[in-house]
Amino acid sequence: MTTLPLTVLALLAFAGNSVLGRLALGEAAIDPASYTAVRLASGALTLWVITTAIVRRGSRAGSAGSWMAGALLFLYAISFSFAYVSLNAGTGALILFAAVQFTMIAAGLRSGERPLSVEWFGLAIAMAGLVYLVFPGLAAPSLGGSMLMAGAGIAWGAYSLLGRGVGSPIEATADNFLRTVPFVLAGALLQWPSLSVSPMGLLWAGLSGTITSGLGYVIWYAALMRLTATRAAIVQLSVPVIAALGGVAFLSEEITWRLLISSAAILGGIGLSVSAHMGAKIFARNRKTIFHSSRGSGTAKTDSLGGR
């Protein structure tokens, strides 16, 4: 399969997580703890089947995951589930995406990266859009739900940073899903009196775990092998938009002016920042290459003159 279909399928899967979550939790077809448990368990099973099929027997050198990654994955999933009790699909996806990007940018600052002025400008626009989205008012989303989704985004951003440089991302993801099981059991025990599962809720949670999470991650990793970092970052800007359209199509949700304006500010600001950052990196790399080439040419010329 070529890059474009893989990328489109992955983005549809990511947006599908929001739509399925809202379908199940917004209609109270299942409680958040049970939704999280079914989603993670079915995702772990799907990824285990896939890794068993693609990894040759005896070639697996130990575990590729970690307990910290498993804890972050669970924190993302449980916060995501509780947030979608009160948030619309598009609003939740937008807050999640913004929190992920802000987390990764903050990690870059902490590691010594120094953004350009245009990057700061883009971040300021995005932050203003997020503040406008959650600012109290008639059309404002639930503050509690917004905070939970922001927490989910921070956890996912930290999880992504922890997984940088992993040799086998699919295998590592499968391991991390399995490591969420103790946390899932603990969460289910704490919520035991309020657990409630209907057949439709079980179906939506299972589809989220197997299709939009398990298979979605595998497809995304396949697409990443053929995408530049810039393109991978920019195409993800479409996920909140797709989720909002999915909310309209499948959940009869309304797209408000507040959501449209804040989406334009958040996605535009982050897109500007990401493009400027990637452009600066490419410029610096090309400049370094040209510098070394010119030095090599000068050395060769000197050696030639000295040999005469």
Foldseek 3Di string as FASTA:
>chain_A
DDLVVLLVQLLLLLLLLLLLLLVQQLVVQWALLVLLLLQLVLLLVQLVVVCVVPPDPPNDDDALADLLLLVLLSLLSSLLNVLSNFDFSLVLLLLLLLLLLVLLVVVCVVVPDDADPQLVVLNVLLVVLVCLQQPDDPNHTDPSSSVSSSSSSNSVNVSVVVCPPRPDVSRHVSSSSVSNVVVSVVSCVVCVVPTDHHPSSSVSSSCSRNRSNNVSVVSLVVSVVVDDPLVNSLSSLCSSVSSVVSCCVPVVDDCDPSNVSSSCRNSVSNNSNSVSVVVVVVVVVVVVVVVVVVVVVVVVVVVVVVVD
